[in-house]
Amino acid sequence: MASITIRHLDDDVKTRLRIRASANVHSMEEEARIILRDAVARKDEPENLASFIRECFEPFGGVELELPPRGPMREPPDFS
C-alpha cells in the first residue's frame, strides 16, 4: 500500500474531516481513504450538456418531444 502526506491542510478542513469521521465511526485516516476512493471511482463527466441530459433520462426510457412544424422564415425587423 502507498502512503501520502497532505501538507498545508486548512484547519477548518481538518476539523470537518474529524467530525465527519467521528459521525461515521471511522478514524480520520480511514475517512480520508473513503473520500479519495469515492472521488476517483466516479466516472468522467459527460462531454457536453446533451450527453448529460441523455444520461439522466435514459433509465426512464427517454423523452419523446413533439416538434412543431416548421413555417416560412419571418422577415427581419426594420430598424431604419
N, C-alpha and C. Protein backbone atom coordinates (compact mmCIF):
# COMPACT_ATOMS: atom_id res chain seq x y z
N MET A 1 0.84 -1.19 0.00
CA MET A 1 0.00 0.00 0.00
C MET A 1 0.88 1.24 0.00
N ALA A 2 0.41 2.26 -0.70
CA ALA A 2 1.14 3.52 -0.79
C ALA A 2 0.69 4.46 0.32
N SER A 3 1.51 5.44 0.61
CA SER A 3 1.20 6.45 1.61
C SER A 3 1.37 7.83 0.99
N ILE A 4 0.55 8.79 1.45
CA ILE A 4 0.71 10.17 1.02
C ILE A 4 0.65 11.07 2.25
N THR A 5 1.25 12.23 2.12
CA THR A 5 1.20 13.24 3.16
C THR A 5 0.55 14.47 2.55
N ILE A 6 -0.41 15.05 3.25
CA ILE A 6 -1.08 16.25 2.75
C ILE A 6 -0.62 17.41 3.62
N ARG A 7 0.12 18.30 3.00
CA ARG A 7 0.63 19.46 3.72
C ARG A 7 -0.29 20.65 3.51
N HIS A 8 -0.21 21.61 4.40
CA HIS A 8 -0.94 22.88 4.31
C HIS A 8 -2.46 22.67 4.22
N LEU A 9 -2.98 21.72 4.96
CA LEU A 9 -4.41 21.48 5.02
C LEU A 9 -5.03 22.50 5.96
N ASP A 10 -6.05 23.19 5.50
CA ASP A 10 -6.71 24.21 6.34
C ASP A 10 -7.22 23.57 7.62
N ASP A 11 -7.14 24.32 8.71
CA ASP A 11 -7.63 23.82 9.99
C ASP A 11 -9.12 23.50 9.92
N ASP A 12 -9.88 24.31 9.18
CA ASP A 12 -11.32 24.08 9.04
C ASP A 12 -11.59 22.75 8.33
N VAL A 13 -10.82 22.45 7.30
CA VAL A 13 -10.99 21.18 6.58
C VAL A 13 -10.67 20.01 7.50
N LYS A 14 -9.61 20.14 8.26
CA LYS A 14 -9.23 19.06 9.18
C LYS A 14 -10.32 18.86 10.24
N THR A 15 -10.86 19.94 10.74
CA THR A 15 -11.92 19.84 11.74
C THR A 15 -13.15 19.16 11.17
N ARG A 16 -13.55 19.57 9.95
CA ARG A 16 -14.72 18.95 9.33
C ARG A 16 -14.47 17.48 9.01
N LEU A 17 -13.24 17.13 8.63
CA LEU A 17 -12.90 15.72 8.38
C LEU A 17 -13.00 14.92 9.68
N ARG A 18 -12.51 15.50 10.77
CA ARG A 18 -12.57 14.82 12.06
C ARG A 18 -14.02 14.59 12.49
N ILE A 19 -14.87 15.60 12.32
CA ILE A 19 -16.29 15.48 12.68
C ILE A 19 -16.98 14.44 11.81
N ARG A 20 -16.70 14.49 10.51
CA ARG A 20 -17.30 13.51 9.60
C ARG A 20 -16.86 12.10 9.93
N ALA A 21 -15.58 11.92 10.22
CA ALA A 21 -15.06 10.60 10.58
C ALA A 21 -15.72 10.10 11.85
N SER A 22 -15.87 10.97 12.82
CA SER A 22 -16.49 10.59 14.08
C SER A 22 -17.95 10.18 13.87
N ALA A 23 -18.66 10.93 13.02
CA ALA A 23 -20.06 10.61 12.76
C ALA A 23 -20.21 9.26 12.06
N ASN A 24 -19.21 8.90 11.25
CA ASN A 24 -19.24 7.62 10.53
C ASN A 24 -18.49 6.51 11.26
N VAL A 25 -18.08 6.79 12.48
CA VAL A 25 -17.34 5.84 13.33
C VAL A 25 -16.10 5.32 12.59
N HIS A 26 -15.33 6.26 12.02
CA HIS A 26 -14.07 5.93 11.37
C HIS A 26 -12.98 6.80 11.96
N SER A 27 -11.75 6.39 11.73
CA SER A 27 -10.64 7.28 12.04
C SER A 27 -10.57 8.33 10.94
N MET A 28 -9.87 9.43 11.18
CA MET A 28 -9.72 10.45 10.15
C MET A 28 -9.02 9.87 8.94
N GLU A 29 -8.05 9.03 9.17
CA GLU A 29 -7.30 8.42 8.07
C GLU A 29 -8.21 7.54 7.21
N GLU A 30 -9.05 6.73 7.85
CA GLU A 30 -9.97 5.87 7.10
C GLU A 30 -10.99 6.71 6.35
N GLU A 31 -11.48 7.78 6.98
CA GLU A 31 -12.45 8.65 6.32
C GLU A 31 -11.83 9.30 5.09
N ALA A 32 -10.58 9.75 5.18
CA ALA A 32 -9.89 10.33 4.03
C ALA A 32 -9.72 9.29 2.93
N ARG A 33 -9.40 8.05 3.29
CA ARG A 33 -9.28 6.98 2.29
C ARG A 33 -10.61 6.76 1.57
N ILE A 34 -11.70 6.74 2.32
CA ILE A 34 -13.03 6.54 1.72
C ILE A 34 -13.37 7.68 0.77
N ILE A 35 -13.11 8.91 1.20
CA ILE A 35 -13.41 10.08 0.36
C ILE A 35 -12.60 10.02 -0.93
N LEU A 36 -11.31 9.72 -0.82
CA LEU A 36 -10.46 9.64 -2.01
C LEU A 36 -10.88 8.50 -2.92
N ARG A 37 -11.19 7.35 -2.34
CA ARG A 37 -11.61 6.19 -3.14
C ARG A 37 -12.89 6.52 -3.91
N ASP A 38 -13.86 7.15 -3.25
CA ASP A 38 -15.11 7.52 -3.92
C ASP A 38 -14.88 8.56 -5.01
N ALA A 39 -14.00 9.51 -4.74
CA ALA A 39 -13.75 10.59 -5.70
C ALA A 39 -13.12 10.08 -6.99
N VAL A 40 -12.20 9.16 -6.89
CA VAL A 40 -11.54 8.67 -8.11
C VAL A 40 -12.32 7.55 -8.78
N ALA A 41 -13.31 6.99 -8.10
CA ALA A 41 -14.12 5.92 -8.69
C ALA A 41 -15.22 6.46 -9.57
N ARG A 42 -15.56 7.72 -9.43
CA ARG A 42 -16.64 8.32 -10.23
C ARG A 42 -16.26 8.30 -11.69
N LYS A 43 -17.27 8.05 -12.52
CA LYS A 43 -16.99 8.09 -13.95
C LYS A 43 -16.81 9.53 -14.39
N ASP A 44 -16.18 9.70 -15.52
CA ASP A 44 -15.90 11.04 -16.03
C ASP A 44 -17.19 11.79 -16.32
N GLU A 45 -17.10 13.08 -16.27
CA GLU A 45 -18.24 13.94 -16.57
C GLU A 45 -18.61 13.79 -18.04
N PRO A 46 -19.87 13.96 -18.39
CA PRO A 46 -20.25 13.90 -19.80
C PRO A 46 -19.53 14.99 -20.60
N GLU A 47 -19.37 14.73 -21.89
CA GLU A 47 -18.65 15.67 -22.73
C GLU A 47 -19.40 16.97 -22.95
N ASN A 48 -20.73 16.90 -22.96
CA ASN A 48 -21.50 18.12 -23.21
C ASN A 48 -22.86 18.01 -22.55
N LEU A 49 -23.62 19.06 -22.62
CA LEU A 49 -24.92 19.11 -21.95
C LEU A 49 -25.88 18.07 -22.52
N ALA A 50 -25.87 17.88 -23.84
CA ALA A 50 -26.77 16.90 -24.45
C ALA A 50 -26.48 15.50 -23.92
N SER A 51 -25.21 15.14 -23.79
CA SER A 51 -24.85 13.83 -23.25
C SER A 51 -25.32 13.68 -21.81
N PHE A 52 -25.18 14.74 -21.03
CA PHE A 52 -25.60 14.71 -19.64
C PHE A 52 -27.11 14.49 -19.53
N ILE A 53 -27.87 15.22 -20.33
CA ILE A 53 -29.33 15.09 -20.30
C ILE A 53 -29.74 13.69 -20.74
N ARG A 54 -29.08 13.16 -21.77
CA ARG A 54 -29.39 11.81 -22.24
C ARG A 54 -29.12 10.80 -21.12
N GLU A 55 -28.00 10.93 -20.41
CA GLU A 55 -27.69 10.02 -19.31
C GLU A 55 -28.74 10.08 -18.21
N CYS A 56 -29.26 11.28 -17.97
CA CYS A 56 -30.27 11.44 -16.91
C CYS A 56 -31.58 10.77 -17.26
N PHE A 57 -32.00 10.83 -18.53
CA PHE A 57 -33.31 10.35 -18.91
C PHE A 57 -33.32 8.94 -19.48
N GLU A 58 -32.18 8.39 -19.87
CA GLU A 58 -32.15 7.04 -20.44
C GLU A 58 -32.72 5.98 -19.50
N PRO A 59 -32.44 6.02 -18.20
CA PRO A 59 -33.00 4.99 -17.32
C PRO A 59 -34.53 5.00 -17.28
N PHE A 60 -35.15 6.11 -17.65
CA PHE A 60 -36.61 6.23 -17.62
C PHE A 60 -37.22 5.98 -18.99
N GLY A 61 -36.43 5.54 -19.95
CA GLY A 61 -36.95 5.27 -21.28
C GLY A 61 -36.85 6.45 -22.22
N GLY A 62 -36.20 7.50 -21.80
CA GLY A 62 -36.04 8.67 -22.66
C GLY A 62 -37.26 9.55 -22.66
N VAL A 63 -37.21 10.56 -23.47
CA VAL A 63 -38.30 11.51 -23.59
C VAL A 63 -38.52 11.78 -25.07
N GLU A 64 -39.74 11.64 -25.51
CA GLU A 64 -40.09 11.95 -26.90
C GLU A 64 -40.75 13.33 -26.91
N LEU A 65 -40.17 14.24 -27.63
CA LEU A 65 -40.72 15.58 -27.73
C LEU A 65 -41.41 15.76 -29.07
N GLU A 66 -42.58 16.38 -29.04
CA GLU A 66 -43.29 16.67 -30.27
C GLU A 66 -42.75 17.98 -30.82
N LEU A 67 -42.20 17.94 -32.01
CA LEU A 67 -41.63 19.13 -32.61
C LEU A 67 -42.69 19.85 -33.43
N PRO A 68 -42.80 21.16 -33.29
CA PRO A 68 -43.80 21.89 -34.07
C PRO A 68 -43.38 21.92 -35.54
N PRO A 69 -44.35 22.02 -36.44
CA PRO A 69 -43.99 22.08 -37.86
C PRO A 69 -43.25 23.38 -38.16
N ARG A 70 -42.35 23.30 -39.13
CA ARG A 70 -41.59 24.49 -39.50
C ARG A 70 -42.39 25.31 -40.49
N GLY A 71 -42.34 26.59 -40.31
CA GLY A 71 -43.03 27.51 -41.22
C GLY A 71 -42.01 28.34 -41.98
N PRO A 72 -42.49 29.22 -42.81
CA PRO A 72 -41.55 30.08 -43.54
C PRO A 72 -40.86 31.04 -42.57
N MET A 73 -39.68 31.45 -42.94
CA MET A 73 -38.89 32.35 -42.11
C MET A 73 -39.54 33.74 -42.09
N ARG A 74 -39.55 34.36 -40.92
CA ARG A 74 -40.13 35.70 -40.80
C ARG A 74 -39.19 36.74 -41.40
N GLU A 75 -39.77 37.87 -41.78
CA GLU A 75 -38.96 38.97 -42.28
C GLU A 75 -38.21 39.57 -41.09
N PRO A 76 -36.94 39.93 -41.28
CA PRO A 76 -36.20 40.56 -40.17
C PRO A 76 -36.76 41.95 -39.87
N PRO A 77 -36.63 42.43 -38.64
CA PRO A 77 -37.17 43.76 -38.31
C PRO A 77 -36.41 44.85 -39.05
N ASP A 78 -37.11 45.92 -39.32
CA ASP A 78 -36.50 47.07 -39.99
C ASP A 78 -36.19 48.13 -38.93
N PHE A 79 -34.93 48.44 -38.72
CA PHE A 79 -34.53 49.38 -37.69
C PHE A 79 -34.20 50.77 -38.26
N SER A 80 -34.63 51.01 -39.48
CA SER A 80 -34.30 52.32 -40.08
C SER A 80 -35.22 53.42 -39.62
